[in-house]
Amino acid sequence: MAKGRNVKKASKIRPRYKNDAFLKALGAHCRKIRQAKGYSIDRLYKESDQLSPASIDRLERGNADSQILVLVRYAQALQVPLNELFAFTTDSSELTQDSRIIPYEESTKPPLGYVPVFPLQVAAGSFSFQGDTSGLQPSGWIDAGVRGHSDVYFASFVRGESMEPLIQNGSLCLFRKYGGGSRQGKIFLVRARGLQDPETGEAFVVKKYQRQTLPRSTENENPTVIHLLSINPKYPPIVLVGLEDDSFDTVAEFVRVL
């Protein structure tokens, strides 16, 4: 090595900061605003003139950092103030209140038996209606002791008192993605277009599924009635009548409280 030559040590490249919980919450809030305005993604794309369907989808899924100009144009197209897109709260305490959860790290595989932890609104929105879950990043991982195909399981914190005493408010629960079979009398995470849980205000619920078939009176009537039952007697059932096949989705089956 020549004398006098300064040799610089290669500095360690720090990972780029990325707050997945914030991006997911931001995306879910933006999607809720869009839907409340009556816009589909296709309509927003056509009227915004400068937002592609892919950029809208990435923003609402929280799959990538969103440039401020995308948010500005998104707000302009929906005719809402920019600060309304940020009028939401994130509950980052979920990862700290349960010491069993290990943080998510990109390109790092979890230990055997561990399942991803998703915010419930992310799981309900991403896995319902055959949504594309590629690139979906969890908040963390937890040991659920599962064997075999662990990729069909995930965990979420369940809020509310309607399923007490089985599921206490704030419980971390294990779910198995629904792959078919009888749903009668089982507890599911379900999502339906037009559904609003009176307890949480969300378009998804964790309830006991009960399907009834009423006598058919005319050929044009749909006799199917779905009751989404609470365990806590203080909460009445949610009754869904005459749903289209593509407007109701059984996202995942409740397995147990972790």
Protein backbone atom coordinates (compact mmCIF):
# COMPACT_ATOMS: atom_id res chain seq x y z
CA MET A 1 0.00 0.00 0.00
CA ALA A 2 1.44 3.38 -1.00
CA LYS A 3 2.60 5.68 1.76
CA GLY A 4 0.50 8.63 2.59
CA ARG A 5 -2.62 7.17 1.02
CA ASN A 6 -5.61 7.73 3.19
CA VAL A 7 -7.74 4.62 3.42
CA LYS A 8 -11.29 5.18 4.55
CA LYS A 9 -13.09 2.44 6.30
CA ALA A 10 -16.38 1.46 4.73
CA SER A 11 -19.09 2.91 6.89
CA LYS A 12 -21.96 0.71 7.87
CA ILE A 13 -25.08 1.60 5.96
CA ARG A 14 -27.91 2.31 8.32
CA PRO A 15 -31.33 0.95 7.41
CA ARG A 16 -33.75 3.56 6.18
CA TYR A 17 -36.31 4.59 8.76
CA LYS A 18 -39.78 3.30 8.02
CA ASN A 19 -42.79 3.41 10.33
CA ASP A 20 -45.02 0.62 9.06
CA ALA A 21 -47.69 1.11 11.74
CA PHE A 22 -48.07 4.77 10.74
CA LEU A 23 -48.20 3.98 7.01
CA LYS A 24 -50.86 1.30 7.54
CA ALA A 25 -52.96 3.61 9.71
CA LEU A 26 -52.56 6.47 7.21
CA GLY A 27 -53.59 4.23 4.32
CA ALA A 28 -56.61 2.84 6.16
CA HIS A 29 -57.71 6.38 7.08
CA CYS A 30 -57.33 7.63 3.50
CA ARG A 31 -59.32 4.66 2.19
CA LYS A 32 -62.09 5.38 4.71
CA ILE A 33 -62.26 9.03 3.55
CA ARG A 34 -62.40 7.96 -0.11
CA GLN A 35 -65.17 5.45 0.53
CA ALA A 36 -67.14 7.98 2.60
CA LYS A 37 -66.95 10.34 -0.37
CA GLY A 38 -68.38 7.61 -2.60
CA TYR A 39 -65.27 7.28 -4.76
CA SER A 40 -63.94 4.04 -6.18
CA ILE A 41 -60.23 3.81 -6.93
CA ASP A 42 -61.04 3.95 -10.64
CA ARG A 43 -63.11 7.12 -10.27
CA LEU A 44 -60.45 8.79 -8.14
CA TYR A 45 -57.81 7.88 -10.73
CA LYS A 46 -59.86 9.37 -13.58
CA GLU A 47 -60.78 12.57 -11.75
CA SER A 48 -57.40 13.20 -10.16
CA ASP A 49 -55.66 13.10 -13.57
CA GLN A 50 -52.25 12.65 -11.93
CA LEU A 51 -52.69 9.68 -9.60
CA SER A 52 -52.31 6.20 -11.00
CA PRO A 53 -54.36 3.30 -9.60
CA ALA A 54 -51.09 1.75 -8.43
CA SER A 55 -50.08 4.84 -6.43
CA ILE A 56 -53.55 5.02 -4.84
CA ASP A 57 -53.40 1.34 -3.95
CA ARG A 58 -49.91 1.66 -2.44
CA LEU A 59 -51.00 4.63 -0.36
CA GLU A 60 -54.14 2.95 0.96
CA ARG A 61 -52.39 -0.32 1.74
CA GLY A 62 -49.45 1.40 3.40
CA ASN A 63 -47.06 -0.67 1.29
CA ALA A 64 -44.64 2.15 0.50
CA ASP A 65 -43.56 5.56 1.70
CA SER A 66 -45.93 8.13 0.21
CA GLN A 67 -44.56 11.32 -1.31
CA ILE A 68 -46.16 14.46 -0.02
CA LEU A 69 -47.30 15.45 -3.53
CA VAL A 70 -49.26 12.19 -3.79
CA LEU A 71 -51.04 13.07 -0.56
CA VAL A 72 -51.65 16.64 -1.76
CA ARG A 73 -53.20 15.47 -5.01
CA TYR A 74 -55.20 12.76 -3.19
CA ALA A 75 -56.72 15.38 -0.88
CA GLN A 76 -57.40 17.78 -3.76
CA ALA A 77 -59.20 15.13 -5.81
CA LEU A 78 -61.42 14.24 -2.83
CA GLN A 79 -61.92 17.94 -2.03
CA VAL A 80 -60.78 17.62 1.58
CA PRO A 81 -58.15 19.63 3.49
CA LEU A 82 -54.73 18.01 3.47
CA ASN A 83 -54.64 17.88 7.27
CA GLU A 84 -57.78 15.72 7.24
CA LEU A 85 -55.66 12.87 5.84
CA PHE A 86 -53.63 12.98 9.05
CA ALA A 87 -56.60 13.18 11.45
CA PHE A 88 -56.10 9.69 12.84
CA THR A 89 -54.30 8.05 15.73
CA THR A 90 -51.97 5.07 15.81
CA ASP A 91 -51.74 2.74 18.75
CA SER A 92 -48.05 1.92 18.90
CA SER A 93 -48.50 0.57 22.42
CA GLU A 94 -49.58 -2.81 21.05
CA LEU A 95 -45.98 -3.79 20.39
CA THR A 96 -44.79 -2.67 23.81
CA GLN A 97 -47.66 -3.92 25.93
CA ASP A 98 -46.95 -7.55 25.06
CA SER A 99 -43.34 -8.56 25.60
CA ARG A 100 -43.90 -11.77 23.63
CA ILE A 101 -43.97 -9.86 20.36
CA ILE A 102 -40.67 -9.52 18.53
CA PRO A 103 -40.31 -6.57 16.13
CA TYR A 104 -40.59 -7.14 12.41
CA GLU A 105 -37.36 -6.84 10.48
CA GLU A 106 -37.27 -6.91 6.71
CA SER A 107 -35.45 -9.89 5.15
CA THR A 108 -35.38 -11.71 8.49
CA LYS A 109 -37.32 -14.94 8.86
CA PRO A 110 -39.20 -15.48 12.13
CA PRO A 111 -38.46 -18.50 14.34
CA LEU A 112 -40.45 -21.67 13.79
CA GLY A 113 -43.94 -21.55 15.26
CA TYR A 114 -44.17 -17.75 15.08
CA VAL A 115 -46.99 -15.98 13.24
CA PRO A 116 -47.25 -12.37 12.02
CA VAL A 117 -49.07 -9.77 14.10
CA PHE A 118 -51.26 -7.38 12.10
CA PRO A 119 -53.50 -4.56 13.29
CA LEU A 120 -57.02 -5.95 13.00
CA GLN A 121 -58.11 -3.30 10.49
CA VAL A 122 -55.14 -4.20 8.29
CA ALA A 123 -55.91 -7.92 8.42
CA ALA A 124 -59.60 -7.38 7.74
CA GLY A 125 -58.96 -5.02 4.85
CA SER A 126 -56.04 -6.83 3.25
CA PHE A 127 -57.29 -10.41 3.39
CA SER A 128 -60.93 -9.69 2.55
CA PHE A 129 -62.47 -9.73 -0.92
CA GLN A 130 -59.50 -11.71 -2.22
CA GLY A 131 -57.18 -8.75 -1.76
CA ASP A 132 -53.56 -8.94 -2.87
CA THR A 133 -51.47 -9.44 0.25
CA SER A 134 -48.09 -9.51 -1.49
CA GLY A 135 -45.73 -7.14 0.24
CA LEU A 136 -47.91 -6.89 3.33
CA GLN A 137 -45.62 -6.34 6.30
CA PRO A 138 -46.61 -7.29 9.85
CA SER A 139 -46.09 -5.18 12.95
CA GLY A 140 -44.18 -8.02 14.56
CA TRP A 141 -44.14 -11.77 15.27
CA ILE A 142 -45.37 -13.88 18.16
CA ASP A 143 -44.86 -17.49 19.15
CA ALA A 144 -48.21 -19.21 18.60
CA GLY A 145 -46.88 -22.76 18.71
CA VAL A 146 -48.34 -23.58 15.29
CA ARG A 147 -47.07 -26.40 13.14
CA GLY A 148 -47.27 -27.11 9.46
CA HIS A 149 -48.49 -24.29 7.24
CA SER A 150 -47.95 -21.38 9.61
CA ASP A 151 -48.49 -18.90 6.77
CA VAL A 152 -52.26 -19.39 7.10
CA TYR A 153 -52.20 -17.99 10.64
CA PHE A 154 -51.90 -14.46 11.96
CA ALA A 155 -52.52 -12.65 15.24
CA SER A 156 -54.41 -9.43 15.97
CA PHE A 157 -55.50 -7.45 19.00
CA VAL A 158 -59.29 -7.50 19.32
CA ARG A 159 -60.91 -4.41 20.82
CA GLY A 160 -64.35 -4.17 22.33
CA GLU A 161 -66.46 -6.02 24.87
CA SER A 162 -69.00 -7.77 22.64
CA MET A 163 -67.21 -11.15 22.74
CA GLU A 164 -66.51 -11.20 26.47
CA PRO A 165 -65.88 -13.30 28.47
CA LEU A 166 -64.30 -15.49 25.76
CA ILE A 167 -62.35 -12.61 24.19
CA GLN A 168 -61.54 -9.89 26.68
CA ASN A 169 -61.16 -6.33 25.45
CA GLY A 170 -57.61 -5.90 24.12
CA SER A 171 -56.83 -9.62 23.82
CA LEU A 172 -54.24 -10.78 21.32
CA CYS A 173 -55.97 -13.51 19.30
CA LEU A 174 -54.82 -16.17 16.87
CA PHE A 175 -56.70 -16.42 13.57
CA ARG A 176 -56.56 -18.94 10.72
CA LYS A 177 -57.33 -17.68 7.22
CA TYR A 178 -60.62 -19.13 6.07
CA GLY A 179 -60.24 -21.74 3.37
CA GLY A 180 -63.75 -23.13 3.13
CA GLY A 181 -66.00 -25.48 5.05
CA SER A 182 -68.93 -25.01 7.41
CA ARG A 183 -69.06 -21.67 9.22
CA GLN A 184 -72.16 -22.33 11.29
CA GLY A 185 -71.69 -21.61 14.98
CA LYS A 186 -68.01 -20.69 14.67
CA ILE A 187 -66.34 -17.36 15.41
CA PHE A 188 -64.92 -15.48 12.44
CA LEU A 189 -63.39 -12.21 11.44
CA VAL A 190 -65.81 -11.12 8.72
CA ARG A 191 -66.09 -8.07 6.50
CA ALA A 192 -69.06 -6.92 4.45
CA ARG A 193 -69.71 -3.96 2.23
CA GLY A 194 -72.15 -1.67 3.99
CA LEU A 195 -71.52 -3.29 7.38
CA GLN A 196 -70.83 -0.99 10.34
CA ASP A 197 -70.17 -2.44 13.76
CA PRO A 198 -72.14 -0.31 16.25
CA GLU A 199 -69.45 -0.88 18.89
CA THR A 200 -66.35 0.05 16.85
CA GLY A 201 -67.78 1.72 13.73
CA GLU A 202 -65.68 -0.55 11.51
CA ALA A 203 -66.77 -2.48 8.41
CA PHE A 204 -65.57 -5.73 9.97
CA VAL A 205 -66.40 -7.66 13.13
CA VAL A 206 -65.30 -10.68 15.15
CA LYS A 207 -68.56 -12.54 15.78
CA LYS A 208 -70.17 -15.94 15.90
CA TYR A 209 -71.57 -16.85 12.49
CA GLN A 210 -75.15 -18.09 12.16
CA ARG A 211 -76.81 -18.49 8.77
CA GLN A 212 -80.56 -18.90 8.36
CA THR A 213 -82.52 -19.70 5.23
CA LEU A 214 -86.03 -18.30 5.17
CA PRO A 215 -88.87 -19.78 3.11
CA ARG A 216 -88.68 -18.49 -0.45
CA SER A 217 -91.70 -16.35 -1.33
CA THR A 218 -90.72 -15.26 -4.84
CA GLU A 219 -88.03 -16.30 -7.26
CA ASN A 220 -86.42 -12.88 -7.07
CA GLU A 221 -85.99 -12.75 -3.32
CA ASN A 222 -82.83 -13.86 -1.58
CA PRO A 223 -83.93 -15.86 1.47
CA THR A 224 -80.49 -15.92 3.12
CA VAL A 225 -80.11 -14.14 6.45
CA ILE A 226 -76.81 -14.02 8.33
CA HIS A 227 -76.73 -13.32 12.06
CA LEU A 228 -73.42 -12.15 13.51
CA LEU A 229 -73.76 -12.93 17.20
CA SER A 230 -72.03 -11.46 20.22
CA ILE A 231 -71.29 -13.51 23.32
CA ASN A 232 -71.85 -10.58 25.66
CA PRO A 233 -75.66 -10.35 26.03
CA LYS A 234 -75.47 -6.55 26.18
CA TYR A 235 -74.79 -6.45 22.45
CA PRO A 236 -77.58 -7.42 20.01
CA PRO A 237 -76.81 -9.46 16.89
CA ILE A 238 -75.95 -7.83 13.59
CA VAL A 239 -78.40 -9.07 10.98
CA LEU A 240 -77.42 -9.09 7.30
CA VAL A 241 -80.12 -9.84 4.73
CA GLY A 242 -79.87 -10.57 1.02
CA LEU A 243 -76.15 -10.04 0.56
CA GLU A 244 -74.50 -10.46 -2.81
CA ASP A 245 -71.83 -13.15 -2.96
CA ASP A 246 -69.06 -10.61 -3.52
CA SER A 247 -70.20 -8.25 -0.76
CA PHE A 248 -69.53 -10.55 2.21
CA ASP A 249 -66.22 -12.15 3.02
CA THR A 250 -65.23 -14.56 5.76
CA VAL A 251 -61.67 -13.42 6.36
CA ALA A 252 -60.41 -15.76 9.07
CA GLU A 253 -61.55 -18.11 11.82
CA PHE A 254 -60.83 -17.31 15.45
CA VAL A 255 -58.62 -20.04 16.94
CA ARG A 256 -57.82 -18.95 20.50
CA VAL A 257 -56.64 -16.12 22.70
CA LEU A 258 -52.84 -16.07 22.92
